[in-house]
Amino acid sequence: LGWSSEQVFGHRSAAAPPADVIRFAHGIPTQLPHAPSFRAVHLIRDPREVLVSGYLYHRHTAEAWCTHVPPTSLPDVIGYPLVPHELASRDRESQVAYLRRLDEHSYQQRLLASDATTGLLFELENYASLTIDEMASWATLRDERVLTLRFEYVMASHEEAFERIARHLRLRWYERLVLARIARRHDLARKTERELASMEHVHQPEPDRWKLYLNGAVLDR
């Protein structure tokens, strides 16, 4: 379609978009564009699934921040990969507190050295809490140009969800056809077991995975 795209990290203003499509993968916009043509889609997910998904992924990912062992002496400016993108734009006190909790280990080392309950609690107190806080922060924007959908709904009703997205974005008919074709290509329900096994972010595509992993000690937190 000839659209430019850019992925944005941290807390940044979107008042002057640097591209046609902006993806806030790890962060939130502090300000939205004023243009009437602006549209956004915001996905929210069951916090319990956020916790389990992050815990499983961070145990094996090769992402730099997750495998980085913090130095004993911290630099004046703390950024990625010393801390994850979500923390890179936050205050130094929060960054230092996170690094102290690592106790001179990488994030991944802390997870792998812990039993499941301890590891899940560590994930909850660190990365998962950042993700959940940012997901909830979108509610403060309260803009009718932002369509909020549940991740679980998109996974269960893939074609219907993307049709809603296409209507919200006010796409032309041929743009909607392109979106539908791309959406079908990424529909997990259409993937073979071999394809699913090769996807780093996918562990078990079934809903309610949290019931298999979260016990009372974690849920009570």
N, C-alpha and C. Protein backbone atom coordinates (compact mmCIF):
# COMPACT_ATOMS: atom_id res chain seq x y z
N LEU A 1 0.81 -1.21 0.00
CA LEU A 1 0.00 0.00 0.00
C LEU A 1 0.85 1.26 0.00
N GLY A 2 2.15 1.11 0.16
CA GLY A 2 3.03 2.27 0.13
C GLY A 2 3.04 3.09 1.40
N TRP A 3 2.58 2.53 2.51
CA TRP A 3 2.58 3.25 3.77
C TRP A 3 3.94 3.13 4.45
N SER A 4 4.39 4.21 5.06
CA SER A 4 5.60 4.14 5.87
C SER A 4 5.22 3.68 7.27
N SER A 5 6.15 3.00 7.94
CA SER A 5 5.86 2.43 9.26
C SER A 5 7.06 2.60 10.18
N GLU A 6 6.78 2.83 11.46
CA GLU A 6 7.86 2.97 12.43
C GLU A 6 7.41 2.38 13.77
N GLN A 7 8.31 1.64 14.41
CA GLN A 7 8.04 1.09 15.74
C GLN A 7 8.60 2.05 16.78
N VAL A 8 7.79 2.34 17.80
CA VAL A 8 8.15 3.32 18.81
C VAL A 8 8.27 2.63 20.17
N PHE A 9 9.28 3.01 20.94
CA PHE A 9 9.49 2.45 22.26
C PHE A 9 9.37 3.54 23.32
N GLY A 10 8.93 3.15 24.51
CA GLY A 10 8.87 4.09 25.62
C GLY A 10 7.69 5.03 25.54
N HIS A 11 7.73 6.07 26.36
CA HIS A 11 6.67 7.07 26.41
C HIS A 11 7.05 8.22 25.48
N ARG A 12 6.31 8.35 24.38
CA ARG A 12 6.62 9.38 23.40
C ARG A 12 5.36 10.03 22.88
N SER A 13 5.47 11.27 22.52
CA SER A 13 4.33 11.97 21.93
C SER A 13 4.14 11.52 20.49
N ALA A 14 2.88 11.34 20.12
CA ALA A 14 2.55 11.00 18.74
C ALA A 14 1.86 12.17 18.05
N ALA A 15 2.00 13.36 18.64
CA ALA A 15 1.34 14.55 18.09
C ALA A 15 1.80 14.84 16.67
N ALA A 16 3.07 14.56 16.38
CA ALA A 16 3.61 14.75 15.03
C ALA A 16 4.15 13.39 14.56
N PRO A 17 3.29 12.54 14.03
CA PRO A 17 3.70 11.18 13.66
C PRO A 17 4.86 11.17 12.68
N PRO A 18 5.89 10.35 12.95
CA PRO A 18 7.04 10.27 12.03
C PRO A 18 6.78 9.36 10.83
N ALA A 19 5.63 8.68 10.82
CA ALA A 19 5.32 7.76 9.73
C ALA A 19 3.81 7.63 9.59
N ASP A 20 3.38 6.98 8.50
CA ASP A 20 1.95 6.77 8.30
C ASP A 20 1.37 5.85 9.37
N VAL A 21 2.15 4.84 9.74
CA VAL A 21 1.71 3.87 10.74
C VAL A 21 2.75 3.83 11.86
N ILE A 22 2.29 4.01 13.09
CA ILE A 22 3.18 3.95 14.25
C ILE A 22 2.77 2.76 15.11
N ARG A 23 3.73 1.96 15.50
CA ARG A 23 3.46 0.79 16.34
C ARG A 23 4.11 1.01 17.70
N PHE A 24 3.30 1.20 18.72
CA PHE A 24 3.81 1.31 20.08
C PHE A 24 3.91 -0.10 20.65
N ALA A 25 5.01 -0.77 20.36
CA ALA A 25 5.19 -2.15 20.80
C ALA A 25 5.51 -2.22 22.29
N HIS A 26 6.32 -1.30 22.77
CA HIS A 26 6.69 -1.26 24.18
C HIS A 26 6.62 0.18 24.65
N GLY A 27 5.43 0.66 24.87
CA GLY A 27 5.30 2.04 25.30
C GLY A 27 3.91 2.57 25.03
N ILE A 28 3.71 3.83 25.35
CA ILE A 28 2.42 4.47 25.13
C ILE A 28 2.64 5.88 24.61
N PRO A 29 1.68 6.40 23.84
CA PRO A 29 1.79 7.79 23.39
C PRO A 29 1.38 8.73 24.52
N THR A 30 2.16 9.76 24.73
CA THR A 30 1.80 10.76 25.73
C THR A 30 0.84 11.79 25.18
N GLN A 31 0.75 11.85 23.85
CA GLN A 31 -0.17 12.77 23.18
C GLN A 31 -0.52 12.21 21.82
N LEU A 32 -1.79 12.35 21.43
CA LEU A 32 -2.24 11.85 20.14
C LEU A 32 -2.28 12.97 19.11
N PRO A 33 -2.20 12.61 17.82
CA PRO A 33 -2.30 13.63 16.78
C PRO A 33 -3.66 14.34 16.82
N HIS A 34 -3.67 15.58 16.39
CA HIS A 34 -4.92 16.35 16.34
C HIS A 34 -5.69 16.13 15.04
N ALA A 35 -5.04 15.57 14.05
CA ALA A 35 -5.68 15.40 12.74
C ALA A 35 -6.93 14.54 12.83
N PRO A 36 -8.05 14.99 12.26
CA PRO A 36 -9.30 14.21 12.30
C PRO A 36 -9.16 12.83 11.67
N SER A 37 -8.24 12.69 10.73
CA SER A 37 -8.07 11.43 10.03
C SER A 37 -7.34 10.38 10.87
N PHE A 38 -6.79 10.79 12.00
CA PHE A 38 -6.04 9.86 12.85
C PHE A 38 -6.95 8.77 13.40
N ARG A 39 -6.47 7.53 13.37
CA ARG A 39 -7.16 6.40 13.96
C ARG A 39 -6.14 5.49 14.65
N ALA A 40 -6.56 4.85 15.73
CA ALA A 40 -5.66 3.94 16.43
C ALA A 40 -6.41 2.70 16.88
N VAL A 41 -5.68 1.61 17.02
CA VAL A 41 -6.22 0.36 17.54
C VAL A 41 -5.39 -0.01 18.77
N HIS A 42 -6.07 -0.24 19.88
CA HIS A 42 -5.42 -0.57 21.15
C HIS A 42 -5.87 -1.95 21.58
N LEU A 43 -4.91 -2.86 21.74
CA LEU A 43 -5.22 -4.21 22.19
C LEU A 43 -4.97 -4.34 23.68
N ILE A 44 -5.93 -4.92 24.39
CA ILE A 44 -5.74 -5.23 25.81
C ILE A 44 -5.81 -6.74 25.98
N ARG A 45 -5.17 -7.23 27.02
CA ARG A 45 -5.11 -8.68 27.22
C ARG A 45 -5.34 -9.00 28.69
N ASP A 46 -5.91 -10.16 28.95
CA ASP A 46 -6.09 -10.62 30.32
C ASP A 46 -4.74 -10.55 31.03
N PRO A 47 -4.63 -9.78 32.13
CA PRO A 47 -3.34 -9.64 32.82
C PRO A 47 -2.73 -10.97 33.24
N ARG A 48 -3.56 -11.96 33.52
CA ARG A 48 -3.04 -13.27 33.89
C ARG A 48 -2.32 -13.92 32.71
N GLU A 49 -2.86 -13.71 31.51
CA GLU A 49 -2.20 -14.23 30.32
C GLU A 49 -0.93 -13.44 29.99
N VAL A 50 -0.96 -12.14 30.26
CA VAL A 50 0.25 -11.32 30.08
C VAL A 50 1.38 -11.88 30.94
N LEU A 51 1.05 -12.22 32.18
CA LEU A 51 2.05 -12.75 33.11
C LEU A 51 2.62 -14.08 32.62
N VAL A 52 1.75 -15.01 32.28
CA VAL A 52 2.21 -16.35 31.87
C VAL A 52 2.98 -16.28 30.56
N SER A 53 2.48 -15.50 29.60
CA SER A 53 3.15 -15.37 28.31
C SER A 53 4.55 -14.80 28.47
N GLY A 54 4.67 -13.74 29.27
CA GLY A 54 5.97 -13.13 29.49
C GLY A 54 6.93 -14.07 30.19
N TYR A 55 6.45 -14.77 31.19
CA TYR A 55 7.28 -15.72 31.94
C TYR A 55 7.86 -16.79 31.03
N LEU A 56 7.01 -17.38 30.19
CA LEU A 56 7.48 -18.44 29.29
C LEU A 56 8.45 -17.90 28.24
N TYR A 57 8.13 -16.73 27.70
CA TYR A 57 8.97 -16.15 26.65
C TYR A 57 10.33 -15.72 27.18
N HIS A 58 10.35 -15.10 28.34
CA HIS A 58 11.60 -14.57 28.88
C HIS A 58 12.54 -15.66 29.37
N ARG A 59 12.05 -16.88 29.50
CA ARG A 59 12.92 -17.99 29.90
C ARG A 59 13.81 -18.47 28.75
N HIS A 60 13.47 -18.11 27.50
CA HIS A 60 14.25 -18.64 26.38
C HIS A 60 14.67 -17.59 25.36
N THR A 61 14.11 -16.37 25.43
CA THR A 61 14.43 -15.37 24.42
C THR A 61 15.91 -14.97 24.46
N ALA A 62 16.39 -14.50 23.32
CA ALA A 62 17.77 -13.99 23.24
C ALA A 62 17.80 -12.47 23.23
N GLU A 63 16.67 -11.81 23.56
CA GLU A 63 16.65 -10.35 23.58
C GLU A 63 17.72 -9.83 24.54
N ALA A 64 18.41 -8.78 24.10
CA ALA A 64 19.58 -8.29 24.81
C ALA A 64 19.30 -7.90 26.25
N TRP A 65 18.20 -7.19 26.49
CA TRP A 65 17.93 -6.73 27.85
C TRP A 65 17.69 -7.90 28.80
N CYS A 66 17.16 -9.01 28.26
CA CYS A 66 16.79 -10.15 29.09
C CYS A 66 17.99 -11.01 29.46
N THR A 67 19.02 -10.97 28.63
CA THR A 67 20.22 -11.80 28.88
C THR A 67 21.40 -10.97 29.40
N HIS A 68 21.19 -9.67 29.53
CA HIS A 68 22.27 -8.76 29.94
C HIS A 68 22.47 -8.81 31.45
N VAL A 69 23.71 -9.05 31.87
CA VAL A 69 24.05 -9.03 33.30
C VAL A 69 24.47 -7.62 33.67
N PRO A 70 23.78 -6.97 34.61
CA PRO A 70 24.10 -5.58 34.94
C PRO A 70 25.47 -5.44 35.59
N PRO A 71 26.18 -4.36 35.31
CA PRO A 71 27.49 -4.13 35.93
C PRO A 71 27.31 -3.75 37.40
N THR A 72 28.36 -3.94 38.17
CA THR A 72 28.28 -3.58 39.59
C THR A 72 28.24 -2.07 39.76
N SER A 73 28.86 -1.34 38.82
CA SER A 73 28.83 0.12 38.86
C SER A 73 27.94 0.62 37.73
N LEU A 74 26.87 1.33 38.07
CA LEU A 74 25.91 1.75 37.06
C LEU A 74 26.35 3.05 36.38
N PRO A 75 26.11 3.19 35.10
CA PRO A 75 26.46 4.41 34.37
C PRO A 75 25.54 5.57 34.77
N ASP A 76 25.94 6.77 34.41
CA ASP A 76 25.12 7.95 34.72
C ASP A 76 23.78 7.91 34.00
N VAL A 77 23.80 7.42 32.76
CA VAL A 77 22.58 7.31 31.98
C VAL A 77 22.26 5.84 31.77
N ILE A 78 21.11 5.43 32.21
CA ILE A 78 20.69 4.03 32.10
C ILE A 78 19.68 3.90 30.96
N GLY A 79 19.99 3.02 30.03
CA GLY A 79 19.10 2.81 28.90
C GLY A 79 19.10 1.37 28.46
N TYR A 80 18.49 1.10 27.32
CA TYR A 80 18.48 -0.23 26.74
C TYR A 80 19.88 -0.57 26.23
N PRO A 81 20.40 -1.80 26.42
CA PRO A 81 19.74 -2.99 26.95
C PRO A 81 19.96 -3.23 28.45
N LEU A 82 20.49 -2.24 29.16
CA LEU A 82 20.66 -2.41 30.59
C LEU A 82 19.31 -2.62 31.27
N VAL A 83 18.30 -1.93 30.74
CA VAL A 83 16.92 -2.12 31.19
C VAL A 83 16.05 -2.32 29.96
N PRO A 84 14.87 -2.93 30.10
CA PRO A 84 13.98 -3.09 28.94
C PRO A 84 13.47 -1.75 28.44
N HIS A 85 12.93 -1.74 27.23
CA HIS A 85 12.46 -0.50 26.62
C HIS A 85 11.46 0.23 27.51
N GLU A 86 10.60 -0.53 28.19
CA GLU A 86 9.57 0.10 29.02
C GLU A 86 10.18 0.95 30.13
N LEU A 87 11.36 0.57 30.60
CA LEU A 87 12.00 1.31 31.69
C LEU A 87 12.97 2.37 31.21
N ALA A 88 13.38 2.28 29.95
CA ALA A 88 14.41 3.18 29.44
C ALA A 88 13.99 4.64 29.49
N SER A 89 12.67 4.90 29.41
CA SER A 89 12.19 6.29 29.41
C SER A 89 11.66 6.72 30.78
N ARG A 90 11.83 5.87 31.77
CA ARG A 90 11.32 6.20 33.11
C ARG A 90 12.42 6.81 33.98
N ASP A 91 12.06 7.17 35.21
CA ASP A 91 12.99 7.86 36.09
C ASP A 91 14.09 6.90 36.56
N ARG A 92 15.22 7.49 36.92
CA ARG A 92 16.39 6.71 37.31
C ARG A 92 16.11 5.86 38.56
N GLU A 93 15.32 6.37 39.48
CA GLU A 93 15.02 5.62 40.70
C GLU A 93 14.37 4.28 40.37
N SER A 94 13.42 4.29 39.43
CA SER A 94 12.76 3.05 39.02
C SER A 94 13.73 2.12 38.32
N GLN A 95 14.61 2.68 37.50
CA GLN A 95 15.59 1.88 36.78
C GLN A 95 16.57 1.20 37.75
N VAL A 96 17.06 1.95 38.70
CA VAL A 96 18.02 1.41 39.67
C VAL A 96 17.36 0.33 40.53
N ALA A 97 16.12 0.57 40.95
CA ALA A 97 15.41 -0.41 41.76
C ALA A 97 15.26 -1.73 41.01
N TYR A 98 14.96 -1.64 39.71
CA TYR A 98 14.84 -2.85 38.88
C TYR A 98 16.17 -3.59 38.81
N LEU A 99 17.25 -2.87 38.57
CA LEU A 99 18.57 -3.50 38.44
C LEU A 99 19.01 -4.12 39.76
N ARG A 100 18.66 -3.51 40.86
CA ARG A 100 19.00 -4.07 42.17
C ARG A 100 18.26 -5.40 42.39
N ARG A 101 17.04 -5.47 41.90
CA ARG A 101 16.27 -6.71 42.06
C ARG A 101 16.87 -7.86 41.26
N LEU A 102 17.63 -7.54 40.23
CA LEU A 102 18.30 -8.60 39.46
C LEU A 102 19.43 -9.25 40.25
N ASP A 103 19.95 -8.54 41.23
CA ASP A 103 20.97 -9.09 42.13
C ASP A 103 22.18 -9.63 41.35
N GLU A 104 22.69 -8.79 40.41
CA GLU A 104 23.88 -9.10 39.62
C GLU A 104 23.69 -10.33 38.73
N HIS A 105 22.49 -10.60 38.33
CA HIS A 105 22.18 -11.66 37.37
C HIS A 105 21.39 -11.04 36.22
N SER A 106 21.32 -11.76 35.12
CA SER A 106 20.43 -11.30 34.06
C SER A 106 18.99 -11.64 34.46
N TYR A 107 18.06 -11.00 33.80
CA TYR A 107 16.64 -11.29 34.06
C TYR A 107 16.35 -12.76 33.80
N GLN A 108 16.88 -13.26 32.70
CA GLN A 108 16.64 -14.65 32.35
C GLN A 108 17.25 -15.61 33.36
N GLN A 109 18.44 -15.30 33.84
CA GLN A 109 19.08 -16.14 34.85
C GLN A 109 18.22 -16.23 36.11
N ARG A 110 17.61 -15.11 36.50
CA ARG A 110 16.75 -15.12 37.69
C ARG A 110 15.56 -16.06 37.49
N LEU A 111 14.99 -16.05 36.28
CA LEU A 111 13.84 -16.92 36.01
C LEU A 111 14.25 -18.39 35.98
N LEU A 112 15.34 -18.68 35.31
CA LEU A 112 15.77 -20.07 35.16
C LEU A 112 16.25 -20.69 36.47
N ALA A 113 16.70 -19.85 37.38
CA ALA A 113 17.21 -20.35 38.67
C ALA A 113 16.08 -20.52 39.69
N SER A 114 14.87 -20.16 39.32
CA SER A 114 13.74 -20.19 40.27
C SER A 114 12.76 -21.31 39.93
N ASP A 115 12.04 -21.77 40.96
CA ASP A 115 10.93 -22.68 40.69
C ASP A 115 9.81 -21.88 40.04
N ALA A 116 8.78 -22.56 39.57
CA ALA A 116 7.74 -21.88 38.79
C ALA A 116 7.05 -20.77 39.57
N THR A 117 6.69 -21.02 40.81
CA THR A 117 5.99 -19.99 41.59
C THR A 117 6.86 -18.78 41.83
N THR A 118 8.11 -19.00 42.23
CA THR A 118 9.03 -17.90 42.47
C THR A 118 9.31 -17.13 41.19
N GLY A 119 9.47 -17.85 40.08
CA GLY A 119 9.72 -17.20 38.80
C GLY A 119 8.54 -16.37 38.33
N LEU A 120 7.34 -16.89 38.51
CA LEU A 120 6.15 -16.14 38.12
C LEU A 120 5.97 -14.89 38.98
N LEU A 121 6.28 -15.00 40.27
CA LEU A 121 6.19 -13.82 41.13
C LEU A 121 7.23 -12.78 40.74
N PHE A 122 8.42 -13.23 40.36
CA PHE A 122 9.46 -12.31 39.91
C PHE A 122 9.02 -11.62 38.62
N GLU A 123 8.44 -12.37 37.69
CA GLU A 123 7.93 -11.80 36.45
C GLU A 123 6.82 -10.78 36.74
N LEU A 124 5.95 -11.13 37.67
CA LEU A 124 4.84 -10.24 38.02
C LEU A 124 5.33 -8.92 38.60
N GLU A 125 6.35 -8.97 39.43
CA GLU A 125 6.84 -7.77 40.09
C GLU A 125 7.72 -6.92 39.19
N ASN A 126 8.09 -7.46 38.04
CA ASN A 126 9.00 -6.73 37.17
C ASN A 126 8.38 -6.47 35.79
N TYR A 127 8.70 -7.30 34.81
CA TYR A 127 8.29 -6.97 33.43
C TYR A 127 6.78 -6.96 33.26
N ALA A 128 6.09 -7.95 33.84
CA ALA A 128 4.64 -8.01 33.65
C ALA A 128 3.95 -6.76 34.20
N SER A 129 4.43 -6.27 35.33
CA SER A 129 3.80 -5.08 35.91
C SER A 129 3.99 -3.87 35.00
N LEU A 130 5.14 -3.77 34.32
CA LEU A 130 5.36 -2.68 33.37
C LEU A 130 4.37 -2.77 32.21
N THR A 131 4.21 -3.97 31.67
CA THR A 131 3.31 -4.17 30.54
C THR A 131 1.86 -3.88 30.92
N ILE A 132 1.45 -4.37 32.08
CA ILE A 132 0.06 -4.17 32.52
C ILE A 132 -0.20 -2.70 32.81
N ASP A 133 0.75 -2.03 33.43
CA ASP A 133 0.59 -0.59 33.72
C ASP A 133 0.42 0.20 32.42
N GLU A 134 1.24 -0.12 31.41
CA GLU A 134 1.15 0.61 30.15
C GLU A 134 -0.15 0.28 29.42
N MET A 135 -0.60 -0.95 29.51
CA MET A 135 -1.86 -1.32 28.88
C MET A 135 -3.01 -0.53 29.50
N ALA A 136 -2.98 -0.39 30.82
CA ALA A 136 -4.04 0.34 31.52
C ALA A 136 -3.94 1.85 31.28
N SER A 137 -2.73 2.35 31.04
CA SER A 137 -2.53 3.80 30.88
C SER A 137 -3.23 4.35 29.65
N TRP A 138 -3.48 3.51 28.66
CA TRP A 138 -4.18 3.97 27.47
C TRP A 138 -5.57 4.50 27.80
N ALA A 139 -6.15 4.02 28.89
CA ALA A 139 -7.50 4.44 29.25
C ALA A 139 -7.57 5.94 29.53
N THR A 140 -6.44 6.54 29.91
CA THR A 140 -6.43 7.97 30.21
C THR A 140 -6.57 8.81 28.94
N LEU A 141 -6.33 8.21 27.77
CA LEU A 141 -6.43 8.97 26.52
C LEU A 141 -7.88 9.27 26.17
N ARG A 142 -8.77 8.31 26.40
CA ARG A 142 -10.22 8.50 26.20
C ARG A 142 -10.53 9.27 24.91
N ASP A 143 -10.20 8.66 23.82
CA ASP A 143 -10.39 9.29 22.52
C ASP A 143 -11.19 8.36 21.64
N GLU A 144 -12.29 8.85 21.06
CA GLU A 144 -13.15 8.01 20.25
C GLU A 144 -12.46 7.51 18.99
N ARG A 145 -11.33 8.11 18.66
CA ARG A 145 -10.58 7.66 17.49
C ARG A 145 -9.75 6.42 17.78
N VAL A 146 -9.72 5.99 19.06
CA VAL A 146 -8.97 4.80 19.48
C VAL A 146 -9.95 3.65 19.68
N LEU A 147 -9.80 2.59 18.91
CA LEU A 147 -10.62 1.39 19.03
C LEU A 147 -9.91 0.42 19.96
N THR A 148 -10.54 0.05 21.05
CA THR A 148 -9.95 -0.90 22.00
C THR A 148 -10.59 -2.27 21.82
N LEU A 149 -9.75 -3.27 21.63
CA LEU A 149 -10.21 -4.64 21.45
C LEU A 149 -9.46 -5.56 22.39
N ARG A 150 -10.13 -6.61 22.83
CA ARG A 150 -9.47 -7.62 23.66
C ARG A 150 -8.66 -8.56 22.76
N PHE A 151 -7.45 -8.84 23.16
CA PHE A 151 -6.57 -9.75 22.43
C PHE A 151 -7.24 -11.10 22.25
N GLU A 152 -7.93 -11.57 23.29
CA GLU A 152 -8.59 -12.87 23.25
C GLU A 152 -9.69 -12.89 22.18
N TYR A 153 -10.39 -11.78 22.02
CA TYR A 153 -11.43 -11.69 20.99
C TYR A 153 -10.81 -11.74 19.60
N VAL A 154 -9.70 -11.04 19.40
CA VAL A 154 -9.04 -11.04 18.10
C VAL A 154 -8.57 -12.44 17.74
N MET A 155 -8.05 -13.18 18.71
CA MET A 155 -7.57 -14.53 18.44
C MET A 155 -8.73 -15.49 18.14
N ALA A 156 -9.84 -15.32 18.85
CA ALA A 156 -10.97 -16.24 18.69
C ALA A 156 -11.83 -15.92 17.47
N SER A 157 -11.92 -14.64 17.12
CA SER A 157 -12.77 -14.20 15.99
C SER A 157 -11.93 -13.35 15.05
N HIS A 158 -10.94 -13.96 14.48
CA HIS A 158 -9.90 -13.26 13.74
C HIS A 158 -10.45 -12.41 12.59
N GLU A 159 -11.22 -13.01 11.70
CA GLU A 159 -11.71 -12.29 10.54
C GLU A 159 -12.69 -11.18 10.94
N GLU A 160 -13.57 -11.47 11.89
CA GLU A 160 -14.52 -10.47 12.35
C GLU A 160 -13.80 -9.29 12.99
N ALA A 161 -12.79 -9.59 13.79
CA ALA A 161 -12.04 -8.53 14.47
C ALA A 161 -11.34 -7.63 13.47
N PHE A 162 -10.73 -8.21 12.45
CA PHE A 162 -10.01 -7.38 11.49
C PHE A 162 -10.96 -6.62 10.56
N GLU A 163 -12.15 -7.12 10.39
CA GLU A 163 -13.14 -6.36 9.65
C GLU A 163 -13.55 -5.13 10.47
N ARG A 164 -13.68 -5.29 11.78
CA ARG A 164 -13.97 -4.14 12.64
C ARG A 164 -12.83 -3.13 12.59
N ILE A 165 -11.62 -3.63 12.59
CA ILE A 165 -10.45 -2.75 12.53
C ILE A 165 -10.45 -1.99 11.20
N ALA A 166 -10.74 -2.68 10.11
CA ALA A 166 -10.75 -2.05 8.79
C ALA A 166 -11.80 -0.94 8.73
N ARG A 167 -12.98 -1.20 9.30
CA ARG A 167 -14.03 -0.17 9.30
C ARG A 167 -13.62 1.03 10.16
N HIS A 168 -13.01 0.74 11.30
CA HIS A 168 -12.59 1.83 12.19
C HIS A 168 -11.53 2.69 11.52
N LEU A 169 -10.62 2.06 10.80
CA LEU A 169 -9.56 2.80 10.12
C LEU A 169 -10.04 3.50 8.85
N ARG A 170 -11.28 3.21 8.48
CA ARG A 170 -11.88 3.82 7.29
C ARG A 170 -11.08 3.51 6.02
N LEU A 171 -10.68 2.24 5.91
CA LEU A 171 -9.89 1.82 4.76
C LEU A 171 -10.75 1.75 3.51
N ARG A 172 -10.13 1.99 2.38
CA ARG A 172 -10.80 1.82 1.09
C ARG A 172 -10.98 0.33 0.83
N TRP A 173 -11.85 0.01 -0.12
CA TRP A 173 -12.18 -1.40 -0.34
C TRP A 173 -10.96 -2.25 -0.67
N TYR A 174 -10.05 -1.71 -1.48
CA TYR A 174 -8.88 -2.51 -1.87
C TYR A 174 -7.89 -2.60 -0.70
N GLU A 175 -7.86 -1.59 0.15
CA GLU A 175 -7.01 -1.66 1.34
C GLU A 175 -7.54 -2.70 2.32
N ARG A 176 -8.87 -2.82 2.38
CA ARG A 176 -9.47 -3.83 3.25
C ARG A 176 -9.16 -5.23 2.75
N LEU A 177 -9.10 -5.41 1.45
CA LEU A 177 -8.74 -6.71 0.89
C LEU A 177 -7.31 -7.08 1.25
N VAL A 178 -6.42 -6.10 1.16
CA VAL A 178 -5.01 -6.35 1.52
C VAL A 178 -4.90 -6.69 3.00
N LEU A 179 -5.60 -5.93 3.87
CA LEU A 179 -5.57 -6.20 5.30
C LEU A 179 -6.09 -7.60 5.60
N ALA A 180 -7.20 -7.99 4.95
CA ALA A 180 -7.78 -9.31 5.19
C ALA A 180 -6.81 -10.41 4.79
N ARG A 181 -6.11 -10.22 3.66
CA ARG A 181 -5.15 -11.23 3.20
C ARG A 181 -3.98 -11.36 4.19
N ILE A 182 -3.47 -10.23 4.68
CA ILE A 182 -2.37 -10.25 5.64
C ILE A 182 -2.83 -10.87 6.96
N ALA A 183 -4.04 -10.51 7.39
CA ALA A 183 -4.57 -11.05 8.65
C ALA A 183 -4.71 -12.56 8.59
N ARG A 184 -5.21 -13.09 7.47
CA ARG A 184 -5.34 -14.54 7.33
C ARG A 184 -3.99 -15.22 7.40
N ARG A 185 -2.98 -14.59 6.86
CA ARG A 185 -1.64 -15.19 6.86
C ARG A 185 -1.07 -15.31 8.28
N HIS A 186 -1.54 -14.44 9.18
CA HIS A 186 -1.02 -14.44 10.54
C HIS A 186 -2.00 -15.04 11.55
N ASP A 187 -3.07 -15.64 11.08
CA ASP A 187 -4.06 -16.24 11.97
C ASP A 187 -3.50 -17.54 12.54
N LEU A 188 -3.34 -17.61 13.85
CA LEU A 188 -2.74 -18.80 14.48
C LEU A 188 -3.61 -20.04 14.26
N ALA A 189 -4.92 -19.85 14.13
CA ALA A 189 -5.81 -20.99 13.93
C ALA A 189 -5.55 -21.67 12.59
N ARG A 190 -4.93 -20.97 11.65
CA ARG A 190 -4.63 -21.53 10.33
C ARG A 190 -3.23 -22.13 10.25
N LYS A 191 -2.46 -21.99 11.34
CA LYS A 191 -1.08 -22.48 11.33
C LYS A 191 -1.01 -23.98 11.63
N THR A 192 -0.03 -24.64 11.03
CA THR A 192 0.23 -26.04 11.36
C THR A 192 1.01 -26.10 12.67
N GLU A 193 1.07 -27.28 13.26
CA GLU A 193 1.84 -27.45 14.50
C GLU A 193 3.31 -27.11 14.27
N ARG A 194 3.81 -27.45 13.12
CA ARG A 194 5.21 -27.15 12.80
C ARG A 194 5.44 -25.65 12.72
N GLU A 195 4.50 -24.94 12.10
CA GLU A 195 4.61 -23.48 12.00
C GLU A 195 4.54 -22.84 13.38
N LEU A 196 3.64 -23.32 14.21
CA LEU A 196 3.50 -22.77 15.56
C LEU A 196 4.77 -23.00 16.37
N ALA A 197 5.38 -24.18 16.20
CA ALA A 197 6.59 -24.51 16.96
C ALA A 197 7.76 -23.62 16.58
N SER A 198 7.74 -23.07 15.37
CA SER A 198 8.84 -22.23 14.92
C SER A 198 8.68 -20.76 15.31
N MET A 199 7.55 -20.42 15.93
CA MET A 199 7.26 -19.03 16.28
C MET A 199 7.70 -18.76 17.72
N GLU A 200 8.67 -17.86 17.87
CA GLU A 200 9.29 -17.64 19.18
C GLU A 200 8.31 -17.16 20.24
N HIS A 201 7.33 -16.35 19.85
CA HIS A 201 6.42 -15.78 20.82
C HIS A 201 5.23 -16.68 21.15
N VAL A 202 5.08 -17.79 20.43
CA VAL A 202 3.91 -18.64 20.62
C VAL A 202 4.32 -19.91 21.37
N HIS A 203 3.61 -20.18 22.47
CA HIS A 203 3.86 -21.40 23.24
C HIS A 203 2.66 -22.33 23.15
N GLN A 204 1.53 -21.84 23.65
CA GLN A 204 0.28 -22.60 23.56
C GLN A 204 -0.80 -21.61 23.14
N PRO A 205 -1.32 -21.72 21.92
CA PRO A 205 -2.30 -20.75 21.44
C PRO A 205 -3.67 -20.88 22.09
N GLU A 206 -3.87 -21.90 22.95
CA GLU A 206 -5.17 -22.09 23.56
C GLU A 206 -5.46 -20.98 24.57
N PRO A 207 -6.76 -20.63 24.76
CA PRO A 207 -7.11 -19.62 25.75
C PRO A 207 -6.99 -20.15 27.18
N ASP A 208 -6.98 -19.24 28.14
CA ASP A 208 -6.96 -19.58 29.57
C ASP A 208 -5.77 -20.44 29.98
N ARG A 209 -4.60 -20.14 29.40
CA ARG A 209 -3.40 -20.89 29.79
C ARG A 209 -3.05 -20.65 31.25
N TRP A 210 -3.45 -19.49 31.76
CA TRP A 210 -3.08 -19.13 33.12
C TRP A 210 -3.54 -20.18 34.13
N LYS A 211 -4.62 -20.89 33.83
CA LYS A 211 -5.12 -21.90 34.75
C LYS A 211 -4.14 -23.04 34.93
N LEU A 212 -3.26 -23.24 33.96
CA LEU A 212 -2.27 -24.31 34.04
C LEU A 212 -1.03 -23.89 34.83
N TYR A 213 -0.82 -22.58 35.00
CA TYR A 213 0.43 -22.10 35.57
C TYR A 213 0.29 -21.33 36.88
N LEU A 214 -0.84 -20.67 37.09
CA LEU A 214 -0.95 -19.78 38.24
C LEU A 214 -1.65 -20.46 39.41
N ASN A 215 -0.95 -20.53 40.53
CA ASN A 215 -1.56 -21.11 41.72
C ASN A 215 -2.02 -19.98 42.66
N GLY A 216 -2.54 -20.34 43.80
CA GLY A 216 -3.07 -19.35 44.72
C GLY A 216 -2.05 -18.33 45.17
N ALA A 217 -0.80 -18.76 45.36
CA ALA A 217 0.25 -17.84 45.83
C ALA A 217 0.47 -16.71 44.84
N VAL A 218 0.35 -17.01 43.55
CA VAL A 218 0.54 -15.98 42.52
C VAL A 218 -0.73 -15.16 42.35
N LEU A 219 -1.88 -15.83 42.27
CA LEU A 219 -3.14 -15.12 42.05
C LEU A 219 -3.48 -14.18 43.19
N ASP A 220 -3.08 -14.51 44.41
CA ASP A 220 -3.36 -13.65 45.56
C ASP A 220 -2.59 -12.35 45.51
N ARG A 221 -1.53 -12.27 44.70
CA ARG A 221 -0.74 -11.05 44.59
C ARG A 221 -1.43 -10.04 43.70
